[in-house]
Amino acid sequence: MALEITDANFEELVLKSDKPVLVDFWAEWCGPCRMVGPVVEELAKEYDGKAVIGKVNVDQNSKIPAEFGIRNIPTLLFFKNGQMVEKHVGVAAKAVLAGKLESHM
């Protein structure tokens, strides 16, 4: 299951991770977010132990989305060694997201 990432635990779970990280910025009212959500959950299961995969609810957490300039959702950010290395805005197929994640492993 994808981790719940918040303003409070972002540094610990994302920036200090020794594994690649995929963060899904989403909101409950967002239709495209509901399309990406199950894909993110599947990736979380498949990459368990190999990557950190989590979700940030932008309605409940405003600091991190503002810090990374998240203006549209869903936005998926990829991190490696505490640095953002890739950004994807909008809906994407599972194979596309898996490929992006693999490229940072």
N, C-alpha and C. Protein backbone atom coordinates (compact mmCIF):
# COMPACT_ATOMS: atom_id res chain seq x y z
N MET A 1 0.84 -1.19 0.00
CA MET A 1 0.00 0.00 0.00
C MET A 1 0.88 1.25 0.00
N ALA A 2 0.47 2.24 -0.75
CA ALA A 2 1.23 3.49 -0.82
C ALA A 2 1.21 4.18 0.55
N LEU A 3 2.34 4.77 0.90
CA LEU A 3 2.45 5.47 2.17
C LEU A 3 1.70 6.79 2.13
N GLU A 4 1.18 7.19 3.28
CA GLU A 4 0.58 8.52 3.38
C GLU A 4 1.70 9.49 3.74
N ILE A 5 2.02 10.35 2.80
CA ILE A 5 3.09 11.32 3.03
C ILE A 5 2.45 12.66 3.37
N THR A 6 2.98 13.29 4.41
CA THR A 6 2.43 14.56 4.89
C THR A 6 3.54 15.60 4.96
N ASP A 7 3.14 16.85 5.22
CA ASP A 7 4.13 17.90 5.42
C ASP A 7 5.09 17.51 6.54
N ALA A 8 4.57 16.82 7.56
CA ALA A 8 5.37 16.46 8.74
C ALA A 8 6.38 15.35 8.48
N ASN A 9 6.04 14.36 7.63
CA ASN A 9 6.94 13.22 7.44
C ASN A 9 7.65 13.21 6.08
N PHE A 10 7.44 14.24 5.27
CA PHE A 10 8.01 14.28 3.91
C PHE A 10 9.53 14.14 3.92
N GLU A 11 10.19 14.91 4.77
CA GLU A 11 11.66 14.87 4.80
C GLU A 11 12.16 13.47 5.14
N GLU A 12 11.55 12.87 6.16
CA GLU A 12 11.98 11.54 6.60
C GLU A 12 11.72 10.47 5.53
N LEU A 13 10.51 10.45 4.96
CA LEU A 13 10.14 9.39 4.02
C LEU A 13 10.67 9.59 2.61
N VAL A 14 10.82 10.84 2.18
CA VAL A 14 11.20 11.12 0.80
C VAL A 14 12.64 11.58 0.68
N LEU A 15 12.96 12.68 1.33
CA LEU A 15 14.29 13.27 1.15
C LEU A 15 15.42 12.45 1.74
N LYS A 16 15.14 11.69 2.80
CA LYS A 16 16.19 10.87 3.44
C LYS A 16 16.16 9.41 2.99
N SER A 17 15.32 9.08 2.01
CA SER A 17 15.22 7.70 1.56
C SER A 17 16.47 7.29 0.78
N ASP A 18 16.91 6.05 1.00
CA ASP A 18 18.04 5.52 0.25
C ASP A 18 17.55 4.77 -1.00
N LYS A 19 16.24 4.79 -1.22
CA LYS A 19 15.64 4.15 -2.40
C LYS A 19 14.99 5.23 -3.27
N PRO A 20 14.75 4.94 -4.54
CA PRO A 20 14.00 5.89 -5.38
C PRO A 20 12.59 6.09 -4.79
N VAL A 21 12.03 7.27 -4.97
CA VAL A 21 10.73 7.60 -4.39
C VAL A 21 9.80 8.15 -5.47
N LEU A 22 8.57 7.68 -5.46
CA LEU A 22 7.51 8.22 -6.31
C LEU A 22 6.46 8.82 -5.39
N VAL A 23 6.15 10.10 -5.59
CA VAL A 23 5.14 10.77 -4.77
C VAL A 23 4.00 11.24 -5.67
N ASP A 24 2.80 10.81 -5.33
CA ASP A 24 1.59 11.19 -6.06
C ASP A 24 0.88 12.30 -5.29
N PHE A 25 0.78 13.48 -5.89
CA PHE A 25 0.05 14.60 -5.29
C PHE A 25 -1.38 14.53 -5.82
N TRP A 26 -2.37 14.44 -4.92
CA TRP A 26 -3.74 14.16 -5.31
C TRP A 26 -4.73 14.85 -4.37
N ALA A 27 -6.02 14.75 -4.72
CA ALA A 27 -7.11 15.19 -3.86
C ALA A 27 -8.33 14.32 -4.13
N GLU A 28 -9.19 14.15 -3.13
CA GLU A 28 -10.36 13.28 -3.28
C GLU A 28 -11.32 13.72 -4.37
N TRP A 29 -11.47 15.01 -4.55
CA TRP A 29 -12.44 15.55 -5.51
C TRP A 29 -11.94 15.50 -6.96
N CYS A 30 -10.69 15.10 -7.16
CA CYS A 30 -10.05 15.13 -8.47
C CYS A 30 -10.29 13.83 -9.23
N GLY A 31 -11.07 13.90 -10.33
CA GLY A 31 -11.37 12.71 -11.13
C GLY A 31 -10.14 12.01 -11.69
N PRO A 32 -9.24 12.75 -12.36
CA PRO A 32 -8.03 12.10 -12.87
C PRO A 32 -7.18 11.47 -11.76
N CYS A 33 -7.21 12.07 -10.57
CA CYS A 33 -6.46 11.50 -9.44
C CYS A 33 -7.01 10.12 -9.08
N ARG A 34 -8.33 9.97 -9.17
CA ARG A 34 -8.95 8.67 -8.87
C ARG A 34 -8.58 7.63 -9.93
N MET A 35 -8.22 8.09 -11.12
CA MET A 35 -7.78 7.16 -12.16
C MET A 35 -6.34 6.71 -11.90
N VAL A 36 -5.50 7.60 -11.43
CA VAL A 36 -4.09 7.30 -11.18
C VAL A 36 -3.91 6.53 -9.86
N GLY A 37 -4.79 6.78 -8.89
CA GLY A 37 -4.66 6.17 -7.56
C GLY A 37 -4.45 4.67 -7.56
N PRO A 38 -5.30 3.89 -8.25
CA PRO A 38 -5.12 2.44 -8.26
C PRO A 38 -3.79 2.01 -8.89
N VAL A 39 -3.33 2.75 -9.88
CA VAL A 39 -2.04 2.46 -10.52
C VAL A 39 -0.91 2.66 -9.52
N VAL A 40 -0.98 3.74 -8.75
CA VAL A 40 0.03 4.02 -7.74
C VAL A 40 0.03 2.91 -6.68
N GLU A 41 -1.16 2.46 -6.29
CA GLU A 41 -1.26 1.37 -5.30
C GLU A 41 -0.64 0.08 -5.85
N GLU A 42 -0.88 -0.23 -7.12
CA GLU A 42 -0.29 -1.43 -7.73
C GLU A 42 1.23 -1.32 -7.74
N LEU A 43 1.75 -0.15 -8.10
CA LEU A 43 3.20 0.04 -8.12
C LEU A 43 3.78 -0.10 -6.72
N ALA A 44 3.05 0.39 -5.71
CA ALA A 44 3.52 0.28 -4.33
C ALA A 44 3.70 -1.18 -3.93
N LYS A 45 2.77 -2.03 -4.36
CA LYS A 45 2.88 -3.47 -4.06
C LYS A 45 4.05 -4.10 -4.82
N GLU A 46 4.14 -3.78 -6.11
CA GLU A 46 5.16 -4.39 -6.95
C GLU A 46 6.58 -3.96 -6.60
N TYR A 47 6.74 -2.73 -6.12
CA TYR A 47 8.07 -2.21 -5.81
C TYR A 47 8.36 -2.18 -4.31
N ASP A 48 7.55 -2.91 -3.54
CA ASP A 48 7.76 -2.97 -2.09
C ASP A 48 9.18 -3.46 -1.79
N GLY A 49 9.91 -2.68 -1.02
CA GLY A 49 11.29 -3.04 -0.67
C GLY A 49 12.32 -2.50 -1.65
N LYS A 50 11.88 -2.12 -2.87
CA LYS A 50 12.80 -1.61 -3.88
C LYS A 50 12.68 -0.10 -4.07
N ALA A 51 11.49 0.44 -3.77
CA ALA A 51 11.25 1.87 -3.93
C ALA A 51 10.23 2.31 -2.88
N VAL A 52 10.20 3.59 -2.60
CA VAL A 52 9.21 4.16 -1.69
C VAL A 52 8.15 4.82 -2.56
N ILE A 53 6.90 4.45 -2.34
CA ILE A 53 5.81 5.02 -3.13
C ILE A 53 4.75 5.54 -2.16
N GLY A 54 4.43 6.83 -2.33
CA GLY A 54 3.48 7.44 -1.41
C GLY A 54 2.61 8.48 -2.08
N LYS A 55 1.65 8.97 -1.29
CA LYS A 55 0.67 9.92 -1.79
C LYS A 55 0.58 11.11 -0.83
N VAL A 56 0.47 12.30 -1.40
CA VAL A 56 0.28 13.52 -0.61
C VAL A 56 -1.09 14.09 -0.97
N ASN A 57 -1.98 14.17 0.02
CA ASN A 57 -3.28 14.79 -0.18
C ASN A 57 -3.08 16.30 -0.11
N VAL A 58 -3.27 16.99 -1.24
CA VAL A 58 -2.97 18.43 -1.29
C VAL A 58 -3.96 19.27 -0.49
N ASP A 59 -5.13 18.72 -0.19
CA ASP A 59 -6.10 19.45 0.63
C ASP A 59 -5.71 19.44 2.10
N GLN A 60 -4.99 18.42 2.52
CA GLN A 60 -4.59 18.28 3.92
C GLN A 60 -3.16 18.72 4.18
N ASN A 61 -2.38 18.87 3.13
CA ASN A 61 -0.97 19.26 3.24
C ASN A 61 -0.67 20.33 2.20
N SER A 62 -0.33 21.52 2.65
CA SER A 62 -0.11 22.61 1.69
C SER A 62 1.36 23.01 1.56
N LYS A 63 2.17 22.70 2.56
CA LYS A 63 3.58 23.14 2.55
C LYS A 63 4.37 22.48 1.42
N ILE A 64 4.33 21.17 1.35
CA ILE A 64 5.13 20.45 0.35
C ILE A 64 4.66 20.75 -1.08
N PRO A 65 3.35 20.71 -1.37
CA PRO A 65 2.93 21.07 -2.73
C PRO A 65 3.37 22.48 -3.12
N ALA A 66 3.31 23.41 -2.20
CA ALA A 66 3.75 24.79 -2.50
C ALA A 66 5.24 24.83 -2.75
N GLU A 67 5.99 24.09 -1.95
CA GLU A 67 7.45 24.06 -2.09
C GLU A 67 7.89 23.54 -3.46
N PHE A 68 7.14 22.59 -4.00
CA PHE A 68 7.50 22.00 -5.29
C PHE A 68 6.68 22.57 -6.45
N GLY A 69 5.91 23.63 -6.18
CA GLY A 69 5.18 24.30 -7.25
C GLY A 69 4.10 23.46 -7.89
N ILE A 70 3.42 22.63 -7.09
CA ILE A 70 2.36 21.78 -7.62
C ILE A 70 1.13 22.66 -7.89
N ARG A 71 0.78 22.81 -9.15
CA ARG A 71 -0.37 23.65 -9.53
C ARG A 71 -1.50 22.82 -10.13
N ASN A 72 -1.17 21.66 -10.66
CA ASN A 72 -2.17 20.77 -11.25
C ASN A 72 -2.03 19.40 -10.61
N ILE A 73 -3.16 18.71 -10.47
CA ILE A 73 -3.11 17.35 -9.95
C ILE A 73 -3.89 16.45 -10.89
N PRO A 74 -3.52 15.19 -11.00
CA PRO A 74 -2.40 14.59 -10.28
C PRO A 74 -1.05 15.02 -10.85
N THR A 75 -0.11 15.21 -9.94
CA THR A 75 1.29 15.41 -10.30
C THR A 75 2.08 14.33 -9.59
N LEU A 76 2.96 13.67 -10.33
CA LEU A 76 3.80 12.63 -9.75
C LEU A 76 5.25 13.09 -9.83
N LEU A 77 5.91 13.13 -8.68
CA LEU A 77 7.31 13.51 -8.63
C LEU A 77 8.15 12.29 -8.31
N PHE A 78 9.30 12.20 -8.95
CA PHE A 78 10.25 11.12 -8.72
C PHE A 78 11.48 11.70 -8.06
N PHE A 79 11.93 11.07 -6.98
CA PHE A 79 13.09 11.53 -6.23
C PHE A 79 14.15 10.44 -6.19
N LYS A 80 15.40 10.87 -6.18
CA LYS A 80 16.52 9.96 -6.00
C LYS A 80 17.56 10.69 -5.18
N ASN A 81 18.03 10.05 -4.13
CA ASN A 81 19.03 10.64 -3.23
C ASN A 81 18.60 12.02 -2.72
N GLY A 82 17.31 12.15 -2.41
CA GLY A 82 16.80 13.39 -1.83
C GLY A 82 16.56 14.52 -2.82
N GLN A 83 16.77 14.26 -4.11
CA GLN A 83 16.58 15.29 -5.13
C GLN A 83 15.45 14.89 -6.08
N MET A 84 14.63 15.87 -6.47
CA MET A 84 13.61 15.59 -7.47
C MET A 84 14.32 15.40 -8.81
N VAL A 85 14.04 14.28 -9.47
CA VAL A 85 14.71 13.97 -10.74
C VAL A 85 13.77 13.95 -11.93
N GLU A 86 12.46 13.88 -11.66
CA GLU A 86 11.51 13.84 -12.76
C GLU A 86 10.13 14.23 -12.26
N LYS A 87 9.33 14.82 -13.18
CA LYS A 87 7.97 15.26 -12.85
C LYS A 87 7.04 14.83 -13.96
N HIS A 88 5.88 14.29 -13.57
CA HIS A 88 4.85 13.93 -14.55
C HIS A 88 3.53 14.53 -14.08
N VAL A 89 2.89 15.30 -14.96
CA VAL A 89 1.60 15.90 -14.64
C VAL A 89 0.51 15.22 -15.45
N GLY A 90 -0.54 14.79 -14.76
CA GLY A 90 -1.68 14.17 -15.43
C GLY A 90 -1.69 12.66 -15.31
N VAL A 91 -2.68 12.07 -15.96
CA VAL A 91 -2.86 10.62 -15.92
C VAL A 91 -1.80 9.94 -16.79
N ALA A 92 -1.33 8.80 -16.33
CA ALA A 92 -0.35 8.03 -17.09
C ALA A 92 -0.62 6.54 -16.90
N ALA A 93 -0.29 5.78 -17.90
CA ALA A 93 -0.43 4.32 -17.82
C ALA A 93 0.59 3.77 -16.83
N LYS A 94 0.25 2.63 -16.27
CA LYS A 94 1.13 1.98 -15.31
C LYS A 94 2.51 1.73 -15.90
N ALA A 95 2.56 1.28 -17.14
CA ALA A 95 3.85 0.98 -17.78
C ALA A 95 4.73 2.23 -17.89
N VAL A 96 4.10 3.37 -18.13
CA VAL A 96 4.86 4.63 -18.24
C VAL A 96 5.48 4.98 -16.89
N LEU A 97 4.66 4.92 -15.83
CA LEU A 97 5.16 5.26 -14.50
C LEU A 97 6.21 4.26 -14.02
N ALA A 98 5.99 2.98 -14.30
CA ALA A 98 6.96 1.96 -13.92
C ALA A 98 8.28 2.18 -14.63
N GLY A 99 8.21 2.54 -15.90
CA GLY A 99 9.42 2.82 -16.68
C GLY A 99 10.19 4.00 -16.12
N LYS A 100 9.47 5.04 -15.73
CA LYS A 100 10.13 6.21 -15.13
C LYS A 100 10.79 5.82 -13.81
N LEU A 101 10.08 5.05 -13.01
CA LEU A 101 10.63 4.62 -11.72
C LEU A 101 11.86 3.74 -11.93
N GLU A 102 11.77 2.81 -12.86
CA GLU A 102 12.91 1.92 -13.17
C GLU A 102 14.14 2.71 -13.61
N SER A 103 13.92 3.78 -14.35
CA SER A 103 15.06 4.55 -14.86
C SER A 103 15.85 5.24 -13.75
N HIS A 104 15.26 5.32 -12.57
CA HIS A 104 15.95 5.97 -11.44
C HIS A 104 16.43 4.97 -10.40
N MET A 105 16.38 3.69 -10.73
CA MET A 105 16.82 2.67 -9.77
C MET A 105 18.29 2.35 -9.96
